[in-house]
Amino acid sequence: MKSKIKSFYSSILHAYSKISKNVIWLIILFLVTAISQFVLFALITRSLGKEYMGLWAIVIASTSIGQISSFGFSNGLIRFLPELVLKNENSKILKLVGTINLCNIVLSIPVLFFLYFLVQLYGHQLLDENKFKLFNTLTIWSMTGVFINNLFSVYVCLFDGFQKFYTRCAIQISGWILFLTLVFILLPKYQLTGVAIAFLIQGLWQLIIGIILAAKQKIIRKGFIIGFDKTSFKIISSFGIKSQSISVMVMFFDPLIKFFITKRLGLSGTVYYELANKLTIQSRNLIVNTNLVIVPKMVIENNNGVAEEYFQNVTAKNTYISVFLGLMMLIFAPLAIYIFTNQFDQHLMSIIAIINVGWICNVITSIHYHSCTALDKLNRIIIVHFIYAASAFFTFELMKYFHINGFLYYIVPALSLFLGSIYNSFVLIRFKSSFEWLYNKVFILFIITSALISINAFYNYTNMYFILFPAIIVFSVLVWRKKIFHYSITIN
């Protein structure tokens, strides 16, 4: 009996160690990615100016659409690999990987070629002749980089499917280090073209290392496999259509926002949005990515008939953590602004406070989002992203009709994210706690604080902290009274 208990606890500790290792590497990758993007934007802004930073933002937003050329086939590996591994069906794994590789090559190139011309039409509407020529050059380099990343995505999903997140993260971290090194070398001579070249080389490096390590760790026998299996194609295409539909909706939101802001406010307006969005989205990415671990857990709890209790527990924790990160963003934003612009930009601080609200709402309801995946509600997730885009489009058009311009344009993306969060909650209305975040005291405190800061930043920058510090104290009291951190913060 004692040996069985010892064996049981040993297996638990082993599983916990494995999860912790993966989570730690995911957090490190997030930090490296965030810092690398931060340094990149600072380098471009200081070396070339805000307009070139705005141009690079448009290039990234428009070429990101090229990710649809992968058709989401690689994502199917995460879903089906664990089952194949348990059944020890290695031959099917090889067929699956070979089919995805072949599809990425055969299908990606013509789709990217077609998208290139669409991107040119997009850029032509926004840029003058000289800027458009540079935009054209950058797009070619970036689209090629997207193709390489499509091939690399197979190995990302392979490592994830085998629970080797740490290996995948190590590869991507090395890629970011190489990318920044090349930017430092190439930017002075080749300017933005040098950045685009560095992006392509980063993708090649990650693909080559991924192939080598996949073979070395015996995940697959050969590093790069090309083949076609009809059964495998049916499996990956069925799953890929739904996941790719979601990805398409995600990718079109950012270019849509930038299109309207650039059209009405110019490239300088786009720079303000890009800087504010990149800063505020970092905390969102960290929490949303780590919250992915609730998907299998929710499936198990739902089968056991206790999904509602589990959902209430994790949403409560997530709300407090999300608001805390939102307040921390407001505290450290002035420092980030100074590093970016070499001055204290009051206008940018107000924009950050507004957009930060939208992303924190999105983070809070990320539990709802992932629960939809676990409960087979992928179609509802597609609707969420449609709401983001549709609400932004119609709001911009209404503002144009009523001749509303300037600062209020930055409220639109925050409003769209808020409306999507409301719908996320409505989808899971079967859970009594689905809307609890909306009237949670810490969330209301965060909204009031953000509103005061967005107004106050225009008049007295330093007095913001006379608003923030009392808010932090009130938040701490609410957390202490709720005893939310007496439980495990990690959702696993």
Protein backbone atom coordinates (compact mmCIF):
# COMPACT_ATOMS: atom_id res chain seq x y z
CA MET A 1 0.00 0.00 0.00
CA LYS A 2 2.80 2.40 0.96
CA SER A 3 4.62 1.71 -2.29
CA LYS A 4 1.47 2.50 -4.28
CA ILE A 5 0.99 5.79 -2.42
CA LYS A 6 4.63 6.66 -2.94
CA SER A 7 4.34 5.82 -6.64
CA PHE A 8 1.18 7.94 -6.90
CA TYR A 9 2.81 11.00 -5.33
CA SER A 10 5.92 10.47 -7.44
CA SER A 11 3.85 10.54 -10.62
CA ILE A 12 2.09 13.71 -9.47
CA LEU A 13 5.39 15.44 -8.72
CA HIS A 14 6.73 14.37 -12.11
CA ALA A 15 3.69 15.76 -13.91
CA TYR A 16 3.87 18.99 -11.90
CA SER A 17 7.56 19.33 -12.72
CA LYS A 18 6.85 18.86 -16.41
CA ILE A 19 4.05 21.44 -16.42
CA SER A 20 6.17 23.92 -14.47
CA LYS A 21 9.07 23.52 -16.86
CA ASN A 22 6.85 24.18 -19.87
CA VAL A 23 5.12 27.16 -18.24
CA ILE A 24 8.44 28.70 -17.18
CA TRP A 25 9.81 28.45 -20.71
CA LEU A 26 6.59 29.92 -22.13
CA ILE A 27 6.93 32.89 -19.78
CA ILE A 28 10.59 33.35 -20.70
CA LEU A 29 9.69 33.26 -24.40
CA PHE A 30 6.96 35.83 -23.80
CA LEU A 31 9.38 38.15 -22.01
CA VAL A 32 12.06 37.77 -24.70
CA THR A 33 9.50 38.42 -27.45
CA ALA A 34 8.08 41.48 -25.68
CA ILE A 35 11.52 42.95 -24.96
CA SER A 36 12.70 42.25 -28.52
CA GLN A 37 9.68 44.02 -30.02
CA PHE A 38 10.11 46.87 -27.57
CA VAL A 39 13.79 47.29 -28.53
CA LEU A 40 12.95 47.01 -32.24
CA PHE A 41 10.33 49.77 -32.13
CA ALA A 42 12.63 52.00 -30.07
CA LEU A 43 15.48 51.46 -32.57
CA ILE A 44 13.33 52.25 -35.61
CA THR A 45 11.70 55.30 -33.98
CA ARG A 46 14.98 56.79 -32.80
CA SER A 47 17.02 55.92 -35.90
CA LEU A 48 14.50 56.62 -38.68
CA GLY A 49 11.64 58.57 -37.07
CA LYS A 50 7.97 58.01 -36.24
CA GLU A 51 6.79 57.87 -39.86
CA TYR A 52 9.04 54.92 -40.65
CA MET A 53 7.87 53.23 -37.48
CA GLY A 54 4.31 53.74 -38.75
CA LEU A 55 5.29 52.30 -42.13
CA TRP A 56 6.81 49.20 -40.53
CA ALA A 57 3.64 48.79 -38.43
CA ILE A 58 1.54 48.78 -41.63
CA VAL A 59 3.87 46.24 -43.27
CA ILE A 60 3.62 43.89 -40.28
CA ALA A 61 -0.16 44.27 -40.05
CA SER A 62 -0.74 43.69 -43.78
CA THR A 63 1.69 40.80 -44.29
CA SER A 64 0.39 39.06 -41.17
CA ILE A 65 -2.65 38.28 -43.30
CA GLY A 66 -0.34 35.91 -45.17
CA GLN A 67 -0.58 33.52 -42.22
CA ILE A 68 -3.88 32.28 -43.63
CA SER A 69 -1.83 30.57 -46.35
CA SER A 70 -1.04 27.78 -43.86
CA PHE A 71 -4.78 26.92 -43.69
CA GLY A 72 -4.36 25.98 -40.02
CA PHE A 73 -3.17 22.49 -40.95
CA SER A 74 -0.33 22.55 -38.41
CA ASN A 75 -2.75 23.28 -35.56
CA GLY A 76 -4.29 19.86 -36.05
CA LEU A 77 -1.08 18.28 -34.75
CA ILE A 78 -1.72 19.61 -31.25
CA ARG A 79 -5.18 18.09 -31.29
CA PHE A 80 -4.34 14.64 -32.76
CA LEU A 81 -0.73 13.92 -31.77
CA PRO A 82 -1.44 12.95 -28.12
CA GLU A 83 -3.92 10.28 -29.24
CA LEU A 84 -1.50 8.88 -31.83
CA VAL A 85 1.34 8.79 -29.30
CA LEU A 86 -0.80 6.93 -26.76
CA LYS A 87 -1.69 4.36 -29.40
CA ASN A 88 1.96 4.18 -30.52
CA GLU A 89 0.93 4.80 -34.13
CA ASN A 90 4.22 6.34 -35.33
CA SER A 91 3.50 5.63 -38.98
CA LYS A 92 0.37 7.80 -38.84
CA ILE A 93 2.37 10.61 -37.23
CA LEU A 94 4.84 10.53 -40.13
CA LYS A 95 2.00 10.54 -42.67
CA LEU A 96 0.35 13.46 -40.89
CA VAL A 97 3.56 15.53 -40.78
CA GLY A 98 4.47 14.70 -44.39
CA THR A 99 1.00 15.68 -45.62
CA ILE A 100 1.07 19.00 -43.76
CA ASN A 101 4.55 19.82 -45.11
CA LEU A 102 3.45 19.10 -48.67
CA CYS A 103 0.27 21.16 -48.29
CA ASN A 104 2.25 24.08 -46.85
CA ILE A 105 4.51 24.10 -49.89
CA VAL A 106 1.93 23.45 -52.61
CA LEU A 107 -0.86 25.64 -51.23
CA SER A 108 1.00 28.45 -49.44
CA ILE A 109 2.92 29.82 -52.43
CA PRO A 110 -0.06 30.58 -54.73
CA VAL A 111 -2.08 32.00 -51.82
CA LEU A 112 0.78 34.27 -50.75
CA PHE A 113 1.25 35.36 -54.37
CA PHE A 114 -2.43 36.36 -54.55
CA LEU A 115 -2.34 38.09 -51.15
CA TYR A 116 0.71 40.09 -52.21
CA PHE A 117 -1.38 41.97 -54.78
CA LEU A 118 -4.16 42.58 -52.27
CA VAL A 119 -1.61 43.99 -49.82
CA GLN A 120 -0.31 46.31 -52.54
CA LEU A 121 -3.82 47.70 -53.04
CA TYR A 122 -4.06 48.21 -49.28
CA GLY A 123 -0.75 50.08 -49.14
CA HIS A 124 -1.49 52.14 -52.24
CA GLN A 125 -4.54 53.63 -50.51
CA LEU A 126 -2.46 54.91 -47.60
CA LEU A 127 1.01 55.91 -48.81
CA ASP A 128 2.64 58.42 -51.13
CA GLU A 129 4.76 57.25 -54.08
CA ASN A 130 8.11 57.09 -52.28
CA LYS A 131 6.76 55.36 -49.19
CA PHE A 132 4.80 52.93 -51.39
CA LYS A 133 7.97 51.83 -53.25
CA LEU A 134 9.63 51.00 -49.93
CA PHE A 135 6.42 49.31 -48.76
CA ASN A 136 6.51 47.09 -51.88
CA THR A 137 10.08 45.99 -51.18
CA LEU A 138 9.39 45.30 -47.52
CA THR A 139 6.27 43.29 -48.40
CA ILE A 140 8.25 40.93 -50.66
CA TRP A 141 10.77 40.18 -47.91
CA SER A 142 8.06 39.82 -45.27
CA MET A 143 5.84 37.55 -47.37
CA THR A 144 8.82 35.26 -47.97
CA GLY A 145 9.39 35.22 -44.22
CA VAL A 146 5.74 34.24 -43.70
CA PHE A 147 6.22 31.25 -46.02
CA ILE A 148 9.23 30.09 -44.01
CA ASN A 149 7.25 30.51 -40.79
CA ASN A 150 4.46 28.35 -42.24
CA LEU A 151 6.99 25.52 -42.61
CA PHE A 152 8.34 26.14 -39.12
CA SER A 153 4.82 26.06 -37.62
CA VAL A 154 4.76 22.29 -38.23
CA TYR A 155 7.69 21.86 -35.85
CA VAL A 156 6.19 24.27 -33.32
CA CYS A 157 3.07 22.10 -33.15
CA LEU A 158 5.15 18.90 -33.13
CA PHE A 159 7.06 19.96 -30.04
CA ASP A 160 3.86 21.19 -28.37
CA GLY A 161 2.03 17.97 -29.20
CA PHE A 162 4.80 15.97 -27.52
CA GLN A 163 4.67 18.31 -24.49
CA LYS A 164 8.11 19.71 -25.35
CA PHE A 165 7.14 23.37 -25.13
CA TYR A 166 10.56 24.12 -23.66
CA THR A 167 12.34 22.92 -26.81
CA ARG A 168 10.13 25.01 -29.07
CA CYS A 169 10.58 28.05 -26.79
CA ALA A 170 14.37 27.66 -26.79
CA ILE A 171 14.39 27.67 -30.61
CA GLN A 172 12.23 30.79 -30.80
CA ILE A 173 14.27 32.59 -28.13
CA SER A 174 17.44 31.94 -30.12
CA GLY A 175 15.60 33.26 -33.19
CA TRP A 176 14.73 36.54 -31.45
CA ILE A 177 18.32 36.98 -30.25
CA LEU A 178 19.58 36.45 -33.81
CA PHE A 179 16.93 38.82 -35.17
CA LEU A 180 17.89 41.69 -32.85
CA THR A 181 21.59 41.14 -33.53
CA LEU A 182 20.98 41.38 -37.28
CA VAL A 183 18.81 44.49 -36.85
CA PHE A 184 21.64 46.23 -34.98
CA ILE A 185 23.99 45.34 -37.85
CA LEU A 186 21.71 45.98 -40.84
CA LEU A 187 19.53 48.91 -39.73
CA PRO A 188 22.15 51.69 -40.07
CA LYS A 189 22.97 50.75 -43.69
CA TYR A 190 19.79 49.19 -45.09
CA GLN A 191 17.18 50.88 -42.84
CA LEU A 192 13.78 49.14 -42.88
CA THR A 193 14.89 46.73 -45.60
CA GLY A 194 17.52 45.48 -43.17
CA VAL A 195 14.79 44.78 -40.60
CA ALA A 196 12.81 42.78 -43.18
CA ILE A 197 15.91 40.77 -44.14
CA ALA A 198 16.57 40.04 -40.45
CA PHE A 199 12.97 38.78 -40.13
CA LEU A 200 13.50 36.34 -43.03
CA ILE A 201 16.80 35.04 -41.63
CA GLN A 202 15.16 34.58 -38.22
CA GLY A 203 12.54 32.31 -39.83
CA LEU A 204 15.17 30.26 -41.70
CA TRP A 205 17.22 29.81 -38.54
CA GLN A 206 14.21 28.57 -36.56
CA LEU A 207 13.16 26.16 -39.31
CA ILE A 208 16.64 24.61 -39.63
CA ILE A 209 17.09 24.23 -35.85
CA GLY A 210 13.56 22.82 -35.55
CA ILE A 211 14.26 20.16 -38.19
CA ILE A 212 17.56 19.19 -36.54
CA LEU A 213 16.15 18.94 -33.00
CA ALA A 214 13.01 17.06 -34.09
CA ALA A 215 15.24 14.38 -35.60
CA LYS A 216 17.75 14.43 -32.73
CA GLN A 217 15.06 14.03 -30.07
CA LYS A 218 13.52 11.22 -32.16
CA ILE A 219 10.16 12.96 -32.41
CA ILE A 220 10.20 11.96 -36.06
CA ARG A 221 12.73 9.74 -37.79
CA LYS A 222 13.61 12.21 -40.49
CA GLY A 223 13.95 15.95 -40.06
CA PHE A 224 11.84 17.03 -43.03
CA ILE A 225 9.21 14.72 -44.48
CA ILE A 226 7.13 15.33 -47.59
CA GLY A 227 4.32 13.02 -48.61
CA PHE A 228 0.59 12.78 -49.07
CA ASP A 229 -1.95 10.62 -47.28
CA LYS A 230 -5.64 11.01 -48.09
CA THR A 231 -6.84 10.07 -44.60
CA SER A 232 -4.39 12.48 -42.97
CA PHE A 233 -5.49 15.27 -45.29
CA LYS A 234 -9.15 14.75 -44.34
CA ILE A 235 -8.26 14.95 -40.64
CA ILE A 236 -6.15 18.09 -40.81
CA SER A 237 -8.38 19.94 -43.29
CA SER A 238 -11.51 19.37 -41.20
CA PHE A 239 -9.87 20.75 -38.06
CA GLY A 240 -7.93 23.41 -39.97
CA ILE A 241 -10.97 25.06 -41.55
CA LYS A 242 -12.45 26.02 -38.20
CA SER A 243 -9.20 27.07 -36.55
CA GLN A 244 -8.12 29.03 -39.62
CA SER A 245 -11.46 30.83 -39.77
CA ILE A 246 -10.73 32.08 -36.28
CA SER A 247 -7.18 33.07 -37.26
CA VAL A 248 -8.46 35.02 -40.27
CA MET A 249 -10.83 37.03 -38.09
CA VAL A 250 -8.00 37.73 -35.63
CA MET A 251 -5.60 38.90 -38.33
CA PHE A 252 -8.01 41.27 -40.05
CA PHE A 253 -8.85 43.21 -36.88
CA ASP A 254 -5.48 44.98 -36.51
CA PRO A 255 -5.12 46.02 -40.20
CA LEU A 256 -8.73 47.27 -40.11
CA ILE A 257 -8.04 49.53 -37.13
CA LYS A 258 -4.80 50.80 -38.65
CA PHE A 259 -6.46 51.46 -42.00
CA PHE A 260 -9.05 53.82 -40.52
CA ILE A 261 -6.61 55.52 -38.14
CA THR A 262 -4.03 56.04 -40.91
CA LYS A 263 -6.72 57.26 -43.31
CA ARG A 264 -8.08 59.83 -40.87
CA LEU A 265 -5.08 60.69 -38.67
CA GLY A 266 -2.06 59.86 -40.87
CA LEU A 267 1.02 57.76 -40.14
CA SER A 268 1.75 59.69 -36.95
CA GLY A 269 -1.67 58.62 -35.64
CA THR A 270 -0.87 55.02 -36.54
CA VAL A 271 2.39 55.24 -34.57
CA TYR A 272 0.48 56.32 -31.46
CA TYR A 273 -1.91 53.40 -31.85
CA GLU A 274 0.88 50.90 -32.59
CA LEU A 275 2.94 51.91 -29.56
CA ALA A 276 -0.08 51.92 -27.23
CA ASN A 277 -1.35 48.61 -28.60
CA LYS A 278 2.02 46.86 -28.41
CA LEU A 279 2.53 47.97 -24.82
CA THR A 280 -0.91 47.02 -23.54
CA ILE A 281 -1.21 43.73 -25.43
CA GLN A 282 1.83 42.22 -23.69
CA SER A 283 0.06 41.37 -20.43
CA ARG A 284 -2.83 39.99 -22.48
CA ASN A 285 -0.55 37.64 -24.42
CA LEU A 286 1.07 36.33 -21.25
CA ILE A 287 -2.18 35.45 -19.47
CA VAL A 288 -4.07 34.20 -22.54
CA ASN A 289 -1.23 31.89 -23.55
CA THR A 290 -0.85 30.38 -20.08
CA ASN A 291 -4.64 30.03 -19.79
CA LEU A 292 -4.50 27.53 -22.66
CA VAL A 293 -3.87 24.85 -20.03
CA ILE A 294 -7.50 25.07 -18.88
CA VAL A 295 -8.79 23.51 -22.14
CA PRO A 296 -8.07 19.84 -21.28
CA LYS A 297 -8.96 20.50 -17.63
CA MET A 298 -12.35 21.94 -18.61
CA VAL A 299 -13.04 18.87 -20.77
CA ILE A 300 -12.40 16.59 -17.78
CA GLU A 301 -14.43 18.71 -15.34
CA ASN A 302 -17.31 18.90 -17.80
CA ASN A 303 -17.36 15.10 -18.11
CA ASN A 304 -17.38 14.86 -14.31
CA GLY A 305 -20.33 17.26 -14.09
CA VAL A 306 -18.45 19.96 -12.14
CA ALA A 307 -17.58 22.34 -14.98
CA GLU A 308 -19.47 25.26 -13.42
CA GLU A 309 -17.57 25.05 -10.12
CA TYR A 310 -14.24 24.90 -11.95
CA PHE A 311 -15.23 27.78 -14.25
CA GLN A 312 -16.23 29.98 -11.31
CA ASN A 313 -12.95 29.29 -9.53
CA VAL A 314 -10.65 30.07 -12.44
CA THR A 315 -12.59 33.13 -13.64
CA ALA A 316 -12.42 34.67 -10.15
CA LYS A 317 -8.65 34.23 -10.02
CA ASN A 318 -8.23 35.40 -13.60
CA THR A 319 -10.21 38.61 -12.99
CA TYR A 320 -7.97 39.66 -10.09
CA ILE A 321 -4.77 38.77 -11.93
CA SER A 322 -5.91 40.60 -15.08
CA VAL A 323 -6.82 43.80 -13.22
CA PHE A 324 -3.51 43.68 -11.34
CA LEU A 325 -1.61 43.51 -14.63
CA GLY A 326 -3.75 46.33 -16.03
CA LEU A 327 -2.84 48.58 -13.08
CA MET A 328 0.84 47.64 -13.39
CA MET A 329 0.72 48.63 -17.06
CA LEU A 330 -0.51 52.10 -16.08
CA ILE A 331 2.29 52.45 -13.52
CA PHE A 332 5.13 51.49 -15.85
CA ALA A 333 3.72 53.03 -19.06
CA PRO A 334 5.41 56.45 -18.52
CA LEU A 335 8.82 54.78 -18.41
CA ALA A 336 8.08 52.86 -21.61
CA ILE A 337 6.88 56.05 -23.30
CA TYR A 338 10.09 57.85 -22.38
CA ILE A 339 12.23 55.02 -23.78
CA PHE A 340 10.21 55.01 -27.01
CA THR A 341 9.92 58.75 -27.64
CA ASN A 342 12.68 60.25 -25.44
CA GLN A 343 10.05 62.48 -23.84
CA PHE A 344 6.94 62.25 -21.66
CA ASP A 345 4.14 62.18 -24.21
CA GLN A 346 0.87 62.98 -22.45
CA HIS A 347 -1.24 62.23 -25.53
CA LEU A 348 0.23 58.73 -25.82
CA MET A 349 -0.36 58.05 -22.12
CA SER A 350 -4.06 58.81 -22.51
CA ILE A 351 -4.29 56.46 -25.50
CA ILE A 352 -2.56 53.70 -23.53
CA ALA A 353 -5.04 54.07 -20.66
CA ILE A 354 -7.97 53.68 -23.07
CA ILE A 355 -6.68 50.76 -25.15
CA ASN A 356 -5.50 49.03 -21.97
CA VAL A 357 -9.14 48.80 -20.83
CA GLY A 358 -10.13 46.92 -23.99
CA TRP A 359 -7.34 44.38 -23.69
CA ILE A 360 -7.93 43.76 -19.98
CA CYS A 361 -11.58 42.96 -20.75
CA ASN A 362 -10.28 40.55 -23.38
CA VAL A 363 -7.88 38.96 -20.86
CA ILE A 364 -10.58 38.55 -18.22
CA THR A 365 -12.84 36.67 -20.64
CA SER A 366 -10.02 34.55 -22.07
CA ILE A 367 -11.28 31.86 -19.68
CA HIS A 368 -14.64 32.05 -21.46
CA TYR A 369 -12.84 31.91 -24.82
CA HIS A 370 -10.83 28.77 -24.02
CA SER A 371 -13.84 27.16 -22.37
CA CYS A 372 -15.69 27.52 -25.68
CA THR A 373 -12.93 25.47 -27.30
CA ALA A 374 -13.20 22.79 -24.61
CA LEU A 375 -16.99 22.69 -24.87
CA ASP A 376 -17.03 22.40 -28.68
CA LYS A 377 -18.26 25.94 -29.31
CA LEU A 378 -15.70 26.92 -31.97
CA ASN A 379 -18.42 28.51 -34.11
CA ARG A 380 -19.18 30.93 -31.28
CA ILE A 381 -15.51 31.95 -31.19
CA ILE A 382 -15.73 32.87 -34.87
CA ILE A 383 -18.69 35.12 -34.06
CA VAL A 384 -16.67 36.82 -31.29
CA HIS A 385 -14.01 37.88 -33.78
CA PHE A 386 -16.66 38.97 -36.26
CA ILE A 387 -18.06 41.25 -33.55
CA TYR A 388 -14.61 42.78 -33.03
CA ALA A 389 -14.25 43.68 -36.71
CA ALA A 390 -17.89 44.62 -37.43
CA SER A 391 -18.28 46.87 -34.39
CA ALA A 392 -15.00 48.66 -35.23
CA PHE A 393 -16.01 49.16 -38.87
CA PHE A 394 -19.47 50.55 -38.13
CA THR A 395 -18.22 52.77 -35.31
CA PHE A 396 -15.56 54.30 -37.55
CA GLU A 397 -18.15 54.91 -40.26
CA LEU A 398 -20.53 56.54 -37.78
CA MET A 399 -17.73 58.81 -36.58
CA LYS A 400 -17.02 59.80 -40.16
CA TYR A 401 -20.72 60.50 -40.79
CA PHE A 402 -20.97 62.75 -37.72
CA HIS A 403 -17.56 64.36 -38.49
CA ILE A 404 -16.01 63.05 -35.27
CA ASN A 405 -12.24 63.01 -35.49
CA GLY A 406 -9.00 63.02 -33.53
CA PHE A 407 -8.48 61.44 -30.13
CA LEU A 408 -11.85 59.63 -30.01
CA TYR A 409 -10.67 57.29 -32.78
CA TYR A 410 -8.57 55.43 -30.22
CA ILE A 411 -11.68 54.53 -28.21
CA VAL A 412 -12.96 52.34 -31.08
CA PRO A 413 -10.63 49.30 -30.64
CA ALA A 414 -11.23 49.34 -26.86
CA LEU A 415 -14.99 49.45 -27.41
CA SER A 416 -14.83 46.57 -29.90
CA LEU A 417 -12.87 44.40 -27.46
CA PHE A 418 -15.35 45.20 -24.69
CA LEU A 419 -18.33 44.20 -26.85
CA GLY A 420 -16.58 40.95 -27.80
CA SER A 421 -16.02 40.22 -24.10
CA ILE A 422 -19.71 40.75 -23.39
CA TYR A 423 -20.59 38.25 -26.13
CA ASN A 424 -18.01 35.81 -24.76
CA SER A 425 -19.84 35.94 -21.44
CA PHE A 426 -23.22 35.55 -23.10
CA VAL A 427 -22.10 32.36 -24.87
CA LEU A 428 -21.45 30.70 -21.50
CA ILE A 429 -24.54 32.09 -19.79
CA ARG A 430 -25.26 28.49 -18.67
CA PHE A 431 -22.66 29.23 -15.99
CA LYS A 432 -24.08 31.52 -13.31
CA SER A 433 -20.71 33.25 -12.87
CA SER A 434 -20.27 34.08 -16.56
CA PHE A 435 -20.99 37.80 -16.10
CA GLU A 436 -19.56 38.18 -12.58
CA TRP A 437 -16.40 39.91 -13.85
CA LEU A 438 -18.50 42.81 -15.14
CA TYR A 439 -19.65 43.91 -11.67
CA ASN A 440 -16.61 42.72 -9.74
CA LYS A 441 -15.38 45.54 -7.46
CA VAL A 442 -11.78 45.35 -8.68
CA PHE A 443 -12.91 45.63 -12.30
CA ILE A 444 -15.05 48.68 -11.52
CA LEU A 445 -12.06 50.18 -9.67
CA PHE A 446 -9.88 49.57 -12.73
CA ILE A 447 -12.39 51.24 -15.10
CA ILE A 448 -12.69 54.34 -12.89
CA THR A 449 -8.91 54.60 -12.48
CA SER A 450 -8.30 54.25 -16.23
CA ALA A 451 -10.93 56.90 -17.04
CA LEU A 452 -9.42 59.38 -14.58
CA ILE A 453 -5.91 58.79 -15.92
CA SER A 454 -6.95 59.11 -19.57
CA ILE A 455 -8.33 62.57 -18.76
CA ASN A 456 -5.72 63.66 -16.22
CA ALA A 457 -2.74 62.75 -18.43
CA PHE A 458 -3.61 65.68 -20.72
CA TYR A 459 -3.30 68.21 -17.92
CA ASN A 460 -0.86 66.99 -15.31
CA TYR A 461 1.28 63.95 -16.07
CA THR A 462 2.86 63.49 -12.64
CA ASN A 463 -0.45 63.69 -10.77
CA MET A 464 -1.45 60.40 -12.38
CA TYR A 465 0.33 58.63 -9.56
CA PHE A 466 -1.87 60.39 -7.01
CA ILE A 467 -4.69 58.50 -8.73
CA LEU A 468 -2.81 55.22 -9.22
CA PHE A 469 -1.35 54.64 -5.78
CA PRO A 470 -4.66 54.94 -3.89
CA ALA A 471 -6.15 52.60 -6.53
CA ILE A 472 -3.40 50.04 -5.82
CA ILE A 473 -4.09 50.29 -2.08
CA VAL A 474 -7.84 49.78 -2.57
CA PHE A 475 -7.11 46.86 -4.92
CA SER A 476 -4.82 45.26 -2.30
CA VAL A 477 -7.50 45.60 0.38
CA LEU A 478 -10.11 43.99 -1.88
CA VAL A 479 -7.77 41.13 -2.71
CA TRP A 480 -6.90 40.59 0.95
CA ARG A 481 -10.55 40.56 1.99
CA LYS A 482 -11.45 38.15 -0.79
CA LYS A 483 -8.43 35.96 0.06
CA ILE A 484 -8.09 35.25 -3.64
CA PHE A 485 -4.36 34.53 -3.40
CA HIS A 486 -4.79 31.98 -0.62
CA TYR A 487 -5.38 29.56 -3.46
CA SER A 488 -3.04 28.46 -6.21
CA ILE A 489 -2.63 31.17 -8.83
CA THR A 490 -1.50 28.77 -11.54
CA ILE A 491 -4.42 27.39 -13.49
CA ASN A 492 -3.59 23.83 -14.36
